[in-house]
C-alpha atoms as a PDB file:
ATOM      1  CA  MET A   1      11.794 119.743 130.345  1.00  0.00           C
ATOM      2  CA  ASP A   2      15.511 120.118 131.242  1.00  0.00           C
ATOM      3  CA  ARG A   3      14.617 121.426 134.576  1.00  0.00           C
ATOM      4  CA  VAL A   4      12.504 118.248 135.044  1.00  0.00           C
ATOM      5  CA  LYS A   5      15.159 115.808 134.231  1.00  0.00           C
ATOM      6  CA  LYS A   6      17.522 116.177 137.723  1.00  0.00           C
ATOM      7  CA  PHE A   7      14.228 114.493 139.669  1.00  0.00           C
ATOM      8  CA  GLY A   8      11.626 113.192 136.809  1.00  0.00           C
ATOM      9  CA  LYS A   9      10.698 112.669 133.763  1.00  0.00           C
ATOM     10  CA  LEU A  10       8.681 114.449 131.047  1.00  0.00           C
ATOM     11  CA  SER A  11       7.693 113.392 127.978  1.00  0.00           C
ATOM     12  CA  MET A  12       5.372 114.710 125.180  1.00  0.00           C
ATOM     13  CA  ASP A  13       3.647 113.266 122.169  1.00  0.00           C
ATOM     14  CA  GLN A  14       4.432 116.019 118.883  1.00  0.00           C
ATOM     15  CA  LYS A  15       1.520 114.671 117.054  1.00  0.00           C
ATOM     16  CA  THR A  16      -1.240 114.182 119.832  1.00  0.00           C
ATOM     17  CA  GLY A  17      -0.218 116.610 122.753  1.00  0.00           C
ATOM     18  CA  GLN A  18      -0.341 114.069 124.785  1.00  0.00           C
ATOM     19  CA  GLY A  19       2.391 113.933 127.789  1.00  0.00           C
ATOM     20  CA  THR A  20       3.488 111.980 130.820  1.00  0.00           C
ATOM     21  CA  LEU A  21       4.855 113.230 133.935  1.00  0.00           C
ATOM     22  CA  GLU A  22       6.666 110.636 136.109  1.00  0.00           C
ATOM     23  CA  VAL A  23       8.438 111.533 139.596  1.00  0.00           C
ATOM     24  CA  VAL A  24       9.469 108.210 141.175  1.00  0.00           C
ATOM     25  CA  ALA A  25      11.635 107.348 144.116  1.00  0.00           C
ATOM     26  CA  LYS A  26      13.049 110.885 144.499  1.00  0.00           C
ATOM     27  CA  ARG A  27      12.175 112.586 147.711  1.00  0.00           C
ATOM     28  CA  ILE A  28      10.138 116.172 146.483  1.00  0.00           C
ATOM     29  CA  MET A  29      11.081 119.480 148.200  1.00  0.00           C
ATOM     30  CA  SER A  30       9.739 122.770 148.030  1.00  0.00           C
ATOM     31  CA  ASP A  31      11.140 123.849 144.918  1.00  0.00           C
ATOM     32  CA  ASP A  32      10.296 120.670 142.871  1.00  0.00           C
ATOM     33  CA  ILE A  33       6.351 120.984 144.156  1.00  0.00           C
ATOM     34  CA  ASP A  34       6.370 124.671 142.008  1.00  0.00           C
ATOM     35  CA  LEU A  35       8.513 123.447 139.075  1.00  0.00           C
ATOM     36  CA  ILE A  36       5.670 120.488 138.327  1.00  0.00           C
ATOM     37  CA  ILE A  37       2.931 122.934 139.248  1.00  0.00           C
ATOM     38  CA  GLU A  38       4.370 125.218 136.772  1.00  0.00           C
ATOM     39  CA  VAL A  39       5.069 122.471 133.950  1.00  0.00           C
ATOM     40  CA  LEU A  40       1.405 121.065 135.132  1.00  0.00           C
ATOM     41  CA  LYS A  41       0.050 124.575 134.118  1.00  0.00           C
ATOM     42  CA  ARG A  42       2.258 125.175 130.646  1.00  0.00           C
ATOM     43  CA  TYR A  43       0.912 121.533 129.720  1.00  0.00           C
ATOM     44  CA  THR A  44      -2.716 121.116 130.179  1.00  0.00           C
ATOM     45  CA  GLU A  45      -2.695 117.816 127.573  1.00  0.00           C
ATOM     46  CA  ILE A  46      -0.846 116.048 130.453  1.00  0.00           C
ATOM     47  CA  GLN A  47      -2.708 112.333 130.908  1.00  0.00           C
ATOM     48  CA  TYR A  48      -0.564 110.676 133.064  1.00  0.00           C
ATOM     49  CA  VAL A  49       1.063 111.555 136.044  1.00  0.00           C
ATOM     50  CA  LYS A  50       2.723 109.076 138.391  1.00  0.00           C
ATOM     51  CA  LEU A  51       4.195 110.746 142.078  1.00  0.00           C
ATOM     52  CA  GLN A  52       5.596 107.303 143.585  1.00  0.00           C
ATOM     53  CA  LYS A  53       7.983 106.837 146.073  1.00  0.00           C
ATOM     54  CA  CYS A  54       8.507 110.849 146.500  1.00  0.00           C
ATOM     55  CA  PHE A  55       7.548 111.409 150.273  1.00  0.00           C
ATOM     56  CA  LEU A  56       4.146 112.953 149.265  1.00  0.00           C
ATOM     57  CA  THR A  57       1.696 114.094 151.822  1.00  0.00           C
ATOM     58  CA  ASP A  58      -1.735 115.199 152.196  1.00  0.00           C
ATOM     59  CA  ASP A  59      -1.076 118.811 152.131  1.00  0.00           C
ATOM     60  CA  LEU A  60       1.448 118.404 149.417  1.00  0.00           C
ATOM     61  CA  LEU A  61      -1.468 116.894 147.103  1.00  0.00           C
ATOM     62  CA  GLU A  62      -3.664 119.612 147.833  1.00  0.00           C
ATOM     63  CA  LYS A  63      -1.662 122.111 146.309  1.00  0.00           C
ATOM     64  CA  ILE A  64      -0.862 119.995 143.747  1.00  0.00           C
ATOM     65  CA  HIS A  65      -3.847 119.652 142.641  1.00  0.00           C
ATOM     66  CA  GLU A  66      -5.224 122.905 143.747  1.00  0.00           C
ATOM     67  CA  HIS A  67      -2.583 124.904 141.679  1.00  0.00           C
ATOM     68  CA  GLY A  68      -2.151 121.863 138.715  1.00  0.00           C
ATOM     69  CA  LEU A  69      -3.641 118.624 138.877  1.00  0.00           C
ATOM     70  CA  LYS A  70      -6.778 120.463 138.395  1.00  0.00           C
ATOM     71  CA  GLY A  71      -6.309 121.890 135.244  1.00  0.00           C
ATOM     72  CA  LEU A  72      -5.240 119.230 133.422  1.00  0.00           C
ATOM     73  CA  ARG A  73      -8.215 118.936 130.801  1.00  0.00           C
ATOM     74  CA  HIS A  74      -7.571 114.905 129.846  1.00  0.00           C
ATOM     75  CA  LEU A  75      -6.027 113.110 132.662  1.00  0.00           C
ATOM     76  CA  LYS A  76      -6.393 109.473 132.620  1.00  0.00           C
ATOM     77  CA  SER A  77      -4.053 107.404 134.944  1.00  0.00           C
ATOM     78  CA  LEU A  78      -2.917 109.107 138.512  1.00  0.00           C
ATOM     79  CA  TYR A  79      -0.063 107.203 140.292  1.00  0.00           C
ATOM     80  CA  LEU A  80       0.785 107.954 143.827  1.00  0.00           C
ATOM     81  CA  ALA A  81       1.511 104.452 145.431  1.00  0.00           C
ATOM     82  CA  SER A  82       4.094 104.226 148.380  1.00  0.00           C
ATOM     83  CA  ASN A  83       3.819 108.253 149.439  1.00  0.00           C
ATOM     84  CA  MET A  84       2.458 109.571 153.345  1.00  0.00           C
ATOM     85  CA  LEU A  85      -1.290 110.186 152.103  1.00  0.00           C
ATOM     86  CA  SER A  86      -4.515 109.100 153.879  1.00  0.00           C
ATOM     87  CA  GLY A  87      -8.273 109.541 154.367  1.00  0.00           C
ATOM     88  CA  LYS A  88      -7.590 113.291 153.623  1.00  0.00           C
ATOM     89  CA  SER A  89      -6.660 112.780 150.021  1.00  0.00           C
ATOM     90  CA  VAL A  90      -8.837 110.301 149.141  1.00  0.00           C
ATOM     91  CA  GLU A  91     -12.153 112.750 150.486  1.00  0.00           C
ATOM     92  CA  LEU A  92     -10.001 115.129 147.886  1.00  0.00           C
ATOM     93  CA  LEU A  93      -9.567 113.008 144.901  1.00  0.00           C
ATOM     94  CA  VAL A  94     -13.133 111.310 145.223  1.00  0.00           C
ATOM     95  CA  SER A  95     -14.691 115.355 145.740  1.00  0.00           C
ATOM     96  CA  GLU A  96     -12.931 116.455 142.727  1.00  0.00           C
ATOM     97  CA  TYR A  97     -12.740 113.904 140.092  1.00  0.00           C
ATOM     98  CA  SER A  98     -15.654 111.197 140.561  1.00  0.00           C
ATOM     99  CA  LYS A  99     -18.187 113.498 138.884  1.00  0.00           C
ATOM    100  CA  LEU A 100     -16.483 114.963 135.541  1.00  0.00           C
ATOM    101  CA  SER A 101     -17.307 113.600 132.605  1.00  0.00           C
ATOM    102  CA  ARG A 102     -14.024 112.036 131.985  1.00  0.00           C
ATOM    103  CA  GLN A 103     -13.089 110.300 134.954  1.00  0.00           C
ATOM    104  CA  ILE A 104      -9.648 108.847 135.729  1.00  0.00           C
ATOM    105  CA  ILE A 105      -9.824 105.211 134.152  1.00  0.00           C
ATOM    106  CA  ASN A 106      -6.328 104.082 136.470  1.00  0.00           C
ATOM    107  CA  LEU A 107      -5.973 105.322 139.927  1.00  0.00           C
ATOM    108  CA  ASP A 108      -2.836 103.653 142.532  1.00  0.00           C
ATOM    109  CA  LEU A 109      -3.236 104.752 145.887  1.00  0.00           C
ATOM    110  CA  ARG A 110      -1.360 101.695 147.188  1.00  0.00           C
ATOM    111  CA  GLY A 111       0.987 101.675 150.061  1.00  0.00           C
ATOM    112  CA  ASN A 112      -0.311 104.568 151.981  1.00  0.00           C
ATOM    113  CA  SER A 113      -2.139 104.705 155.119  1.00  0.00           C
ATOM    114  CA  LEU A 114      -5.805 104.283 154.385  1.00  0.00           C
ATOM    115  CA  THR A 115      -8.206 102.552 155.736  1.00  0.00           C
ATOM    116  CA  GLU A 116     -11.313 100.222 155.521  1.00  0.00           C
ATOM    117  CA  ALA A 117     -13.516 102.806 155.049  1.00  0.00           C
ATOM    118  CA  ASP A 118     -11.192 104.872 152.449  1.00  0.00           C
ATOM    119  CA  ALA A 119     -10.812 102.045 150.128  1.00  0.00           C
ATOM    120  CA  GLU A 120     -14.720 101.546 150.157  1.00  0.00           C
ATOM    121  CA  ALA A 121     -14.878 105.599 149.729  1.00  0.00           C
ATOM    122  CA  LEU A 122     -12.359 105.351 146.602  1.00  0.00           C
ATOM    123  CA  TYR A 123     -14.723 101.965 145.123  1.00  0.00           C
ATOM    124  CA  ASN A 124     -17.653 103.810 145.379  1.00  0.00           C
ATOM    125  CA  GLY A 125     -16.221 107.075 144.331  1.00  0.00           C
ATOM    126  CA  PHE A 126     -15.018 105.492 140.686  1.00  0.00           C
ATOM    127  CA  PRO A 127     -17.537 103.012 139.667  1.00  0.00           C
ATOM    128  CA  ASN A 128     -16.282 103.145 136.126  1.00  0.00           C
ATOM    129  CA  VAL A 129     -12.681 102.999 136.662  1.00  0.00           C
ATOM    130  CA  GLN A 130     -10.382 100.554 134.914  1.00  0.00           C
ATOM    131  CA  THR A 131      -7.764  99.805 137.448  1.00  0.00           C
ATOM    132  CA  LEU A 132      -7.883 100.469 140.964  1.00  0.00           C
ATOM    133  CA  ASN A 133      -4.739 100.023 143.194  1.00  0.00           C
ATOM    134  CA  GLU A 134      -3.896  97.724 139.822  1.00  0.00           C
ATOM    135  CA  ILE A 135      -7.026  95.216 140.468  1.00  0.00           C
ATOM    136  CA  GLN A 136      -8.828  95.236 137.448  1.00  0.00           C
ATOM    137  CA  MET A 137     -11.902  96.145 138.649  1.00  0.00           C
ATOM    138  CA  TYR A 138     -13.312  96.829 134.811  1.00  0.00           C
ATOM    139  CA  LYS A 139     -12.466  93.518 133.249  1.00  0.00           C
ATOM    140  CA  TYR A 140     -13.626  91.442 136.410  1.00  0.00           C
ATOM    141  CA  LYS A 141     -17.278  92.782 136.598  1.00  0.00           C
ATOM    142  CA  ARG A 142     -17.530  93.417 132.756  1.00  0.00           C
ATOM    143  CA  ASP A 143     -15.667  89.743 130.976  1.00  0.00           C
ATOM    144  CA  LEU A 144     -18.421  87.038 132.117  1.00  0.00           C
ATOM    145  CA  THR A 145     -16.139  84.702 130.864  1.00  0.00           C
ATOM    146  CA  ASN A 146     -13.314  85.290 133.186  1.00  0.00           C
ATOM    147  CA  THR A 147     -13.714  83.436 136.640  1.00  0.00           C
ATOM    148  CA  GLU A 148     -10.655  84.351 137.931  1.00  0.00           C
ATOM    149  CA  ILE A 149      -9.278  87.134 140.394  1.00  0.00           C
ATOM    150  CA  ASP A 150      -5.539  87.319 139.384  1.00  0.00           C
ATOM    151  CA  CYS A 151      -4.069  89.694 142.221  1.00  0.00           C
ATOM    152  CA  HIS A 152      -0.595  87.944 142.723  1.00  0.00           C
ATOM    153  CA  SER A 153       2.661  89.817 143.663  1.00  0.00           C
ATOM    154  CA  LEU A 154       0.954  93.002 143.425  1.00  0.00           C
ATOM    155  CA  GLN A 155       2.096  94.611 146.921  1.00  0.00           C
ATOM    156  CA  MET A 156      -1.557  94.375 148.282  1.00  0.00           C
ATOM    157  CA  LYS A 157      -2.485  95.182 152.065  1.00  0.00           C
ATOM    158  CA  LEU A 158      -5.728  95.833 154.256  1.00  0.00           C
ATOM    159  CA  PRO A 159      -7.301  98.399 151.272  1.00  0.00           C
ATOM    160  CA  GLU A 160      -6.986  95.892 148.449  1.00  0.00           C
ATOM    161  CA  MET A 161      -8.387  93.000 150.636  1.00  0.00           C
ATOM    162  CA  LYS A 162     -11.416  95.225 150.814  1.00  0.00           C
ATOM    163  CA  LEU A 163     -11.676  96.870 147.413  1.00  0.00           C
ATOM    164  CA  ILE A 164     -11.379  92.830 146.667  1.00  0.00           C
ATOM    165  CA  VAL A 165     -14.036  92.084 149.078  1.00  0.00           C
ATOM    166  CA  CYS A 166     -16.251  95.506 147.660  1.00  0.00           C
ATOM    167  CA  LEU A 167     -16.147  93.965 144.160  1.00  0.00           C
ATOM    168  CA  VAL A 168     -17.364  90.582 144.685  1.00  0.00           C
ATOM    169  CA  GLN A 169     -20.205  91.601 146.811  1.00  0.00           C
ATOM    170  CA  GLN A 170     -21.626  93.532 144.652  1.00  0.00           C
ATOM    171  CA  LEU A 171     -21.408  90.997 141.806  1.00  0.00           C
ATOM    172  CA  GLY A 172     -23.656  89.669 144.326  1.00  0.00           C
ATOM    173  CA  LYS A 173     -24.409  85.332 144.928  1.00  0.00           C
ATOM    174  CA  ARG A 174     -24.407  84.787 141.154  1.00  0.00           C
ATOM    175  CA  CYS A 175     -20.834  86.062 140.905  1.00  0.00           C
ATOM    176  CA  HIS A 176     -19.008  84.450 137.610  1.00  0.00           C
ATOM    177  CA  LEU A 177     -15.871  84.348 139.497  1.00  0.00           C
ATOM    178  CA  SER A 178     -14.883  81.467 141.277  1.00  0.00           C
ATOM    179  CA  THR A 179     -11.384  81.843 142.134  1.00  0.00           C
ATOM    180  CA  LEU A 180      -9.300  84.000 143.816  1.00  0.00           C
ATOM    181  CA  ASP A 181      -5.524  84.408 143.719  1.00  0.00           C
ATOM    182  CA  VAL A 182      -3.917  86.848 146.450  1.00  0.00           C
ATOM    183  CA  SER A 183      -1.039  85.011 146.876  1.00  0.00           C
ATOM    184  CA  ASN A 184       2.510  86.429 146.776  1.00  0.00           C
ATOM    185  CA  ASN A 185       1.346  89.607 148.770  1.00  0.00           C
ATOM    186  CA  LEU A 186       1.716  91.547 151.972  1.00  0.00           C
ATOM    187  CA  ILE A 187      -1.761  90.180 153.640  1.00  0.00           C
ATOM    188  CA  SER A 188      -1.354  90.600 157.469  1.00  0.00           C
ATOM    189  CA  ALA A 189      -3.433  88.964 159.694  1.00  0.00           C
ATOM    190  CA  LYS A 190      -6.052  91.721 159.523  1.00  0.00           C
ATOM    191  CA  ALA A 191      -6.057  91.416 156.338  1.00  0.00           C
ATOM    192  CA  LEU A 192      -6.927  88.392 155.810  1.00  0.00           C
ATOM    193  CA  LYS A 193     -10.156  88.782 158.606  1.00  0.00           C
ATOM    194  CA  VAL A 194     -11.941  91.172 156.488  1.00  0.00           C
ATOM    195  CA  LEU A 195     -11.146  88.820 153.086  1.00  0.00           C
ATOM    196  CA  ALA A 196     -12.618  85.936 154.709  1.00  0.00           C
ATOM    197  CA  GLU A 197     -15.592  87.717 156.246  1.00  0.00           C
ATOM    198  CA  GLY A 198     -15.856  89.441 153.051  1.00  0.00           C
ATOM    199  CA  ILE A 199     -16.346  86.635 150.415  1.00  0.00           C
ATOM    200  CA  ARG A 200     -18.809  84.291 153.096  1.00  0.00           C
ATOM    201  CA  LEU A 201     -21.984  84.873 150.859  1.00  0.00           C
ATOM    202  CA  VAL A 202     -20.184  84.771 147.451  1.00  0.00           C
ATOM    203  CA  PRO A 203     -19.348  81.595 146.082  1.00  0.00           C
ATOM    204  CA  VAL A 204     -16.071  81.490 145.086  1.00  0.00           C
ATOM    205  CA  HIS A 205     -14.466  78.095 145.342  1.00  0.00           C
ATOM    206  CA  GLU A 206     -10.516  78.528 145.400  1.00  0.00           C
ATOM    207  CA  ILE A 207      -8.461  80.719 147.382  1.00  0.00           C
ATOM    208  CA  ASP A 208      -4.554  81.244 147.372  1.00  0.00           C
ATOM    209  CA  ILE A 209      -3.266  83.206 150.153  1.00  0.00           C
ATOM    210  CA  SER A 210       0.115  81.241 149.532  1.00  0.00           C
ATOM    211  CA  TYR A 211       3.510  83.354 150.356  1.00  0.00           C
ATOM    212  CA  ASN A 212       1.892  86.404 153.067  1.00  0.00           C
ATOM    213  CA  PRO A 213       2.262  87.287 156.125  1.00  0.00           C
ATOM    214  CA  CYS A 214      -1.032  85.798 157.655  1.00  0.00           C
ATOM    215  CA  THR A 215      -0.170  85.742 160.921  1.00  0.00           C
ATOM    216  CA  ASP A 216       2.342  88.599 161.595  1.00  0.00           C
ATOM    217  CA  ASP A 217       4.678  86.666 162.084  1.00  0.00           C
ATOM    218  CA  ASP A 218       3.018  83.567 164.408  1.00  0.00           C
ATOM    219  CA  LEU A 219       1.348  86.970 166.390  1.00  0.00           C
ATOM    220  CA  ASP A 220      -1.995  86.516 165.389  1.00  0.00           C
ATOM    221  CA  PHE A 221      -3.931  83.826 163.833  1.00  0.00           C
ATOM    222  CA  THR A 222      -7.237  85.331 164.108  1.00  0.00           C
ATOM    223  CA  GLY A 223      -7.358  85.639 159.896  1.00  0.00           C
ATOM    224  CA  VAL A 224      -6.593  82.025 159.957  1.00  0.00           C
ATOM    225  CA  GLU A 225     -10.063  81.652 162.577  1.00  0.00           C
ATOM    226  CA  ALA A 226     -11.938  83.674 160.399  1.00  0.00           C
ATOM    227  CA  MET A 227     -10.811  81.797 157.307  1.00  0.00           C
ATOM    228  CA  TYR A 228     -11.747  78.209 158.449  1.00  0.00           C
ATOM    229  CA  LEU A 229     -15.288  80.063 159.626  1.00  0.00           C
ATOM    230  CA  SER A 230     -15.998  81.074 156.013  1.00  0.00           C
ATOM    231  CA  ILE A 231     -14.202  77.279 154.847  1.00  0.00           C
ATOM    232  CA  HIS A 232     -17.060  75.980 157.472  1.00  0.00           C
ATOM    233  CA  THR A 233     -20.186  77.581 157.182  1.00  0.00           C
ATOM    234  CA  ALA A 234     -19.933  78.884 153.368  1.00  0.00           C
ATOM    235  CA  LYS A 235     -19.393  75.071 151.877  1.00  0.00           C
ATOM    236  CA  PHE A 236     -18.735  76.736 148.289  1.00  0.00           C
ATOM    237  CA  ILE A 237     -15.109  77.115 149.372  1.00  0.00           C
ATOM    238  CA  THR A 238     -13.496  73.542 148.410  1.00  0.00           C
ATOM    239  CA  HIS A 239      -9.994  74.442 148.032  1.00  0.00           C
ATOM    240  CA  LEU A 240      -7.620  77.211 150.081  1.00  0.00           C
ATOM    241  CA  TYR A 241      -3.997  77.385 149.086  1.00  0.00           C
ATOM    242  CA  HIS A 242      -1.557  78.611 151.917  1.00  0.00           C
ATOM    243  CA  ASP A 243       1.724  77.638 150.961  1.00  0.00           C
ATOM    244  CA  GLY A 244       4.802  79.577 152.704  1.00  0.00           C
ATOM    245  CA  VAL A 245       2.165  80.633 155.407  1.00  0.00           C
ATOM    246  CA  THR A 246       2.909  79.359 158.856  1.00  0.00           C
ATOM    247  CA  ILE A 247      -0.092  77.728 160.525  1.00  0.00           C
ATOM    248  CA  PRO A 248      -0.329  76.146 163.643  1.00  0.00           C
ATOM    249  CA  GLU A 249      -1.053  71.992 162.762  1.00  0.00           C
ATOM    250  CA  GLU A 250      -4.500  72.418 164.604  1.00  0.00           C
ATOM    251  CA  TYR A 251      -5.662  74.606 161.950  1.00  0.00           C
ATOM    252  CA  THR A 252      -4.162  72.923 159.259  1.00  0.00           C
ATOM    253  CA  ASP A 253      -6.313  69.723 159.836  1.00  0.00           C
ATOM    254  CA  PHE A 254      -8.912  71.869 160.790  1.00  0.00           C
ATOM    255  CA  LEU A 255      -8.947  73.793 157.038  1.00  0.00           C
ATOM    256  CA  GLU A 256      -8.321  70.782 154.872  1.00  0.00           C
ATOM    257  CA  CYS A 257     -11.177  68.790 157.001  1.00  0.00           C
ATOM    258  CA  SER A 258     -13.684  71.635 155.942  1.00  0.00           C
ATOM    259  CA  VAL A 259     -12.096  71.784 152.177  1.00  0.00           C
ATOM    260  CA  LYS A 260     -12.723  67.948 151.773  1.00  0.00           C
ATOM    261  CA  VAL A 261     -16.241  68.188 153.138  1.00  0.00           C
ATOM    262  CA  ASN A 262     -17.232  70.615 150.994  1.00  0.00           C
ATOM    263  CA  ARG A 263     -15.834  69.292 148.438  1.00  0.00           C
ATOM    264  CA  SER A 264     -18.075  66.233 148.863  1.00  0.00           C
ATOM    265  CA  LEU A 265     -21.146  68.273 148.895  1.00  0.00           C
ATOM    266  CA  LEU A 266     -20.599  70.395 145.863  1.00  0.00           C
ATOM    267  CA  LEU A 267     -22.764  69.779 143.196  1.00  0.00           C
ATOM    268  CA  PRO A 268     -21.205  67.809 140.481  1.00  0.00           C
ATOM    269  CA  PRO A 269     -21.779  69.613 137.006  1.00  0.00           C
ATOM    270  CA  LYS A 270     -23.595  68.907 134.497  1.00  0.00           C
ATOM    271  CA  ASN A 271     -23.037  66.538 131.373  1.00  0.00           C
ATOM    272  CA  GLU A 272     -24.137  67.610 127.390  1.00  0.00           C
ATOM    273  CA  ASP A 273     -27.454  66.367 127.964  1.00  0.00           C
ATOM    274  CA  GLY A 274     -28.410  68.933 131.153  1.00  0.00           C
ATOM    275  CA  VAL A 275     -27.563  65.481 133.497  1.00  0.00           C
ATOM    276  CA  ILE A 276     -25.977  65.980 136.627  1.00  0.00           C
ATOM    277  CA  LYS A 277     -23.160  62.777 137.040  1.00  0.00           C
ATOM    278  CA  ASP A 278     -22.452  63.020 140.537  1.00  0.00           C
ATOM    279  CA  LYS A 279     -21.251  59.628 142.255  1.00  0.00           C
ATOM    280  CA  PHE A 280     -24.212  57.559 142.901  1.00  0.00           C
ATOM    281  CA  PHE A 281     -25.091  57.859 139.372  1.00  0.00           C
ATOM    282  CA  SER A 282     -21.376  57.105 138.141  1.00  0.00           C
ATOM    283  CA  TYR A 283     -22.130  54.229 140.625  1.00  0.00           C
ATOM    284  CA  ILE A 284     -25.598  52.733 139.887  1.00  0.00           C
ATOM    285  CA  PHE A 285     -24.515  53.212 135.782  1.00  0.00           C
ATOM    286  CA  ASP A 286     -21.157  51.636 136.362  1.00  0.00           C
ATOM    287  CA  ILE A 287     -23.286  48.580 138.352  1.00  0.00           C
ATOM    288  CA  VAL A 288     -25.857  48.274 135.724  1.00  0.00           C
ATOM    289  CA  GLU A 289     -22.978  48.059 133.359  1.00  0.00           C
ATOM    290  CA  GLU A 290     -20.885  45.505 135.006  1.00  0.00           C
ATOM    291  CA  ARG A 291     -24.072  43.363 135.342  1.00  0.00           C
ATOM    292  CA  THR A 292     -25.241  43.106 132.287  1.00  0.00           C
ATOM    293  CA  PRO A 293     -24.250  41.000 129.900  1.00  0.00           C
ATOM    294  CA  PRO A 294     -23.047  42.320 126.447  1.00  0.00           C
ATOM    295  CA  LEU A 295     -25.296  41.012 123.582  1.00  0.00           C
ATOM    296  CA  PRO A 296     -23.963  38.895 121.001  1.00  0.00           C
ATOM    297  CA  GLU A 297     -22.514  40.026 117.720  1.00  0.00           C
ATOM    298  CA  ASN A 298     -24.772  39.875 114.410  1.00  0.00           C
ATOM    299  CA  ILE A 299     -27.680  39.145 116.828  1.00  0.00           C
ATOM    300  CA  TYR A 300     -29.790  40.389 113.958  1.00  0.00           C
ATOM    301  CA  LYS A 301     -27.986  38.924 111.168  1.00  0.00           C
ATOM    302  CA  GLY A 302     -30.363  36.818 109.023  1.00  0.00           C
ATOM    303  CA  LEU A 303     -33.547  37.789 110.649  1.00  0.00           C
ATOM    304  CA  GLU A 304     -36.421  39.554 109.085  1.00  0.00           C
ATOM    305  CA  PHE A 305     -39.030  41.442 111.062  1.00  0.00           C
ATOM    306  CA  ASP A 306     -41.997  42.901 109.973  1.00  0.00           C
ATOM    307  CA  TYR A 307     -43.931  45.611 111.385  1.00  0.00           C
ATOM    308  CA  GLU A 308     -47.706  46.812 111.974  1.00  0.00           C
ATOM    309  CA  MET A 309     -48.982  50.286 112.009  1.00  0.00           C
ATOM    310  CA  ASP A 310     -50.201  51.616 115.182  1.00  0.00           C
ATOM    311  CA  ARG A 311     -52.742  53.142 113.811  1.00  0.00           C
ATOM    312  CA  ASN A 312     -53.749  54.642 117.230  1.00  0.00           C
ATOM    313  CA  PHE A 313     -50.265  56.161 117.445  1.00  0.00           C
ATOM    314  CA  CYS A 314     -51.093  57.997 114.125  1.00  0.00           C
ATOM    315  CA  ARG A 315     -54.528  59.541 115.301  1.00  0.00           C
ATOM    316  CA  LEU A 316     -53.073  60.503 118.687  1.00  0.00           C
ATOM    317  CA  ASN A 317     -49.918  62.338 117.011  1.00  0.00           C
ATOM    318  CA  ARG A 318     -51.720  63.662 114.037  1.00  0.00           C
ATOM    319  CA  VAL A 319     -49.063  61.154 111.680  1.00  0.00           C
ATOM    320  CA  PRO A 320     -50.500  60.557 108.283  1.00  0.00           C
ATOM    321  CA  GLU A 321     -50.296  57.056 107.550  1.00  0.00           C
ATOM    322  CA  THR A 322     -49.368  57.847 104.095  1.00  0.00           C
ATOM    323  CA  LEU A 323     -46.064  58.322 105.679  1.00  0.00           C
ATOM    324  CA  VAL A 324     -45.544  55.613 107.836  1.00  0.00           C
ATOM    325  CA  SER A 325     -46.183  53.583 105.620  1.00  0.00           C
ATOM    326  CA  MET A 326     -43.885  54.845 102.959  1.00  0.00           C
ATOM    327  CA  GLY A 327     -40.950  54.541 105.330  1.00  0.00           C
ATOM    328  CA  GLU A 328     -40.552  58.479 105.718  1.00  0.00           C
ATOM    329  CA  PHE A 329     -41.940  59.224 109.474  1.00  0.00           C
ATOM    330  CA  ASN A 330     -38.457  61.270 110.336  1.00  0.00           C
ATOM    331  CA  ARG A 331     -35.914  62.003 107.934  1.00  0.00           C
ATOM    332  CA  GLU A 332     -33.661  60.525 110.326  1.00  0.00           C
ATOM    333  CA  PHE A 333     -34.388  57.435 111.012  1.00  0.00           C
ATOM    334  CA  SER A 334     -35.944  54.518 108.083  1.00  0.00           C
ATOM    335  CA  ILE A 335     -38.143  51.666 108.878  1.00  0.00           C
ATOM    336  CA  ILE A 336     -36.629  48.187 107.786  1.00  0.00           C
ATOM    337  CA  ARG A 337     -39.107  45.264 107.312  1.00  0.00           C
ATOM    338  CA  LYS A 338     -37.853  42.382 108.666  1.00  0.00           C
ATOM    339  CA  GLN A 339     -39.231  39.000 109.566  1.00  0.00           C
ATOM    340  CA  ASP A 340     -37.585  36.353 112.028  1.00  0.00           C
ATOM    341  CA  GLU A 341     -38.203  32.723 112.344  1.00  0.00           C
ATOM    342  CA  ARG A 342     -40.579  33.002 114.867  1.00  0.00           C
ATOM    343  CA  LYS A 343     -42.767  35.419 113.216  1.00  0.00           C
ATOM    344  CA  ALA A 344     -42.669  37.873 115.838  1.00  0.00           C
ATOM    345  CA  THR A 345     -43.740  41.992 115.541  1.00  0.00           C
ATOM    346  CA  LYS A 346     -40.779  43.965 115.675  1.00  0.00           C
ATOM    347  CA  HIS A 347     -39.951  47.217 114.855  1.00  0.00           C
ATOM    348  CA  GLU A 348     -36.129  48.838 114.139  1.00  0.00           C
ATOM    349  CA  PHE A 349     -35.648  52.833 113.847  1.00  0.00           C
END
């Protein structure tokens, strides 16, 4: 452990034997690789391995895996963010760890040289992972009460946008997620285009892309164009937040106009009675209420009404006439006998 302290951190739980190995912001040399392998061989109960910002390449990862990682019996979390890994490492991880009985539950490969295909391979290879590149996959798939994908400030790039697209497309048209927050990340024009094209068939209502380099310093507007086309064709997108994103004025006007149209077309929610209270319904209701004079107070004061039993109603609905005559037709109502001066027949419940 003393040798590891020179470039990393190794901690072990004496009761359970669980351990953590961390190497962060330190370039791993050949001697360090040998020491890491030796630690992994000796402490096979290590469950958390973090090799971040240490210039880890595909060949080095393959060496660490072959001589150390694959010997760990209960590996749960593997953090390899901000290194020099490519699709070759993705193939290694998927082939070696996706079919184990105890799969990795936390995997992080952000900040590496991964493509859309690599991201999709990771998503399909680890369907039961809890977090993938810091995206709460298990929560968004299983928690039906949650309606928001919150991925702001996670240093997300193109691979993460592809992961989000894979997630919402798997949930399908009956997706319970309605809000997508990817603000304050590293989303480029290409990444925004991937996101915009991937959500056109999924009912996500609100999207927040604020504070992202979505136009690559005003050099590429393909992502903004794709987002406008998605909003224009997918009428369920009602809000787009783009604070801090340099978008030309003509695009801004098109986007605002499209989301306004979508909001006007969106079906309003139903009330407790299951009735959709849209604008037309509310307008008619207000007009009727305005033009109908209110009834005077105590309109029935001093008036008495009598009732006559409708025997045909009792016969058709199989209601015993004795219950009606006793005023016990329904426990929630009581029949009051009153007679007015005009001898009119009237029922009051």
